[in-house]
Amino acid sequence: MQFTTGKVAVLAVAATGGMMTFSSPAHAYIDPGTGGMLLQLLLGGAAGALVIVKLYWYSIKKGFQRTFGGGAPPDEPGDRESESGN
């Protein structure tokens, strides 16, 4: 049986969800520093996601254009001169 990335990701999410669903309460104390750490984790993850989108924006844009039709092709710099009659 060959595992693909998608199958491994689904299995990991299912296993994590199962562990979180069937775990017993910890009755543990969470200090205020933990909230700051979680906020930093969320903001860092969002910043990382934005950097990934910026790096691959051209590929993402081309994929959407291929999928949804993209509309008119982009203007070439030389097209405007030929339209004006110069």
Protein backbone atom coordinates (compact mmCIF):
# COMPACT_ATOMS: atom_id res chain seq x y z
CA MET A 1 0.00 0.00 0.00
CA GLN A 2 1.50 3.29 -1.10
CA PHE A 3 0.89 6.42 0.99
CA THR A 4 0.51 9.75 -0.75
CA THR A 5 0.89 13.11 0.94
CA GLY A 6 -2.86 13.61 0.97
CA LYS A 7 -3.52 10.26 2.65
CA VAL A 8 -0.86 10.91 5.28
CA ALA A 9 -2.31 14.37 6.00
CA VAL A 10 -5.85 13.00 6.39
CA LEU A 11 -4.58 10.22 8.66
CA ALA A 12 -2.63 12.71 10.81
CA VAL A 13 -5.64 15.02 11.18
CA ALA A 14 -7.92 12.08 12.03
CA ALA A 15 -5.47 10.73 14.62
CA THR A 16 -5.01 14.14 16.22
CA GLY A 17 -8.76 14.73 16.31
CA GLY A 18 -9.31 11.32 17.88
CA MET A 19 -6.70 11.95 20.56
CA MET A 20 -8.23 15.34 21.38
CA THR A 21 -11.78 13.96 21.44
CA PHE A 22 -11.14 10.97 23.68
CA SER A 23 -8.61 12.46 26.10
CA SER A 24 -9.47 12.99 29.75
CA PRO A 25 -9.41 16.48 31.32
CA ALA A 26 -5.99 17.51 32.59
CA HIS A 27 -7.12 19.92 35.36
CA ALA A 28 -3.94 21.86 34.72
CA TYR A 29 -3.11 25.51 35.32
CA ILE A 30 -2.38 27.68 32.27
CA ASP A 31 -0.39 30.78 33.20
CA PRO A 32 -0.68 34.11 31.32
CA GLY A 33 2.58 33.49 29.45
CA THR A 34 0.95 30.59 27.66
CA GLY A 35 -1.63 32.91 26.10
CA GLY A 36 1.15 35.11 24.76
CA MET A 37 2.92 32.09 23.37
CA LEU A 38 -0.26 30.90 21.62
CA LEU A 39 -0.82 34.39 20.17
CA GLN A 40 2.76 34.41 18.90
CA LEU A 41 2.22 30.99 17.34
CA LEU A 42 -0.92 32.16 15.51
CA LEU A 43 0.64 35.42 14.30
CA GLY A 44 3.82 33.64 13.18
CA GLY A 45 1.78 31.03 11.31
CA ALA A 46 -0.25 33.75 9.58
CA ALA A 47 2.93 35.63 8.62
CA GLY A 48 4.48 32.43 7.27
CA ALA A 49 1.35 31.66 5.24
CA LEU A 50 1.42 35.16 3.75
CA VAL A 51 5.08 34.75 2.78
CA ILE A 52 4.31 31.41 1.09
CA VAL A 53 1.43 33.01 -0.82
CA LYS A 54 3.68 35.88 -1.88
CA LEU A 55 6.40 33.50 -3.09
CA TYR A 56 4.00 31.39 -5.13
CA TRP A 57 1.52 34.13 -6.14
CA TYR A 58 2.24 33.84 -9.87
CA SER A 59 1.62 30.07 -9.82
CA ILE A 60 -1.54 30.47 -7.74
CA LYS A 61 -2.82 33.17 -10.09
CA LYS A 62 -2.12 31.04 -13.18
CA GLY A 63 -3.93 28.09 -11.59
CA PHE A 64 -7.03 30.19 -10.95
CA GLN A 65 -6.90 31.60 -14.47
CA ARG A 66 -6.65 28.10 -15.92
CA THR A 67 -9.49 26.86 -13.73
CA PHE A 68 -11.91 29.77 -14.00
CA GLY A 69 -11.12 31.15 -17.45
CA GLY A 70 -8.98 34.20 -16.65
CA GLY A 71 -10.80 36.59 -19.05
CA ALA A 72 -8.89 38.75 -21.54
CA PRO A 73 -5.15 38.17 -22.04
CA PRO A 74 -2.83 40.81 -20.55
CA ASP A 75 -1.90 43.78 -22.73
CA GLU A 76 1.46 43.74 -24.46
CA PRO A 77 3.50 46.98 -24.23
CA GLY A 78 3.62 47.26 -28.03
CA ASP A 79 -0.17 46.95 -28.47
CA ARG A 80 -0.95 50.52 -27.43
CA GLU A 81 1.38 52.02 -30.05
CA SER A 82 -0.20 50.03 -32.86
CA GLU A 83 -3.71 51.15 -31.82
CA SER A 84 -2.85 54.85 -31.84
CA GLY A 85 -1.67 54.75 -35.46
CA ASN A 86 1.93 55.87 -34.79
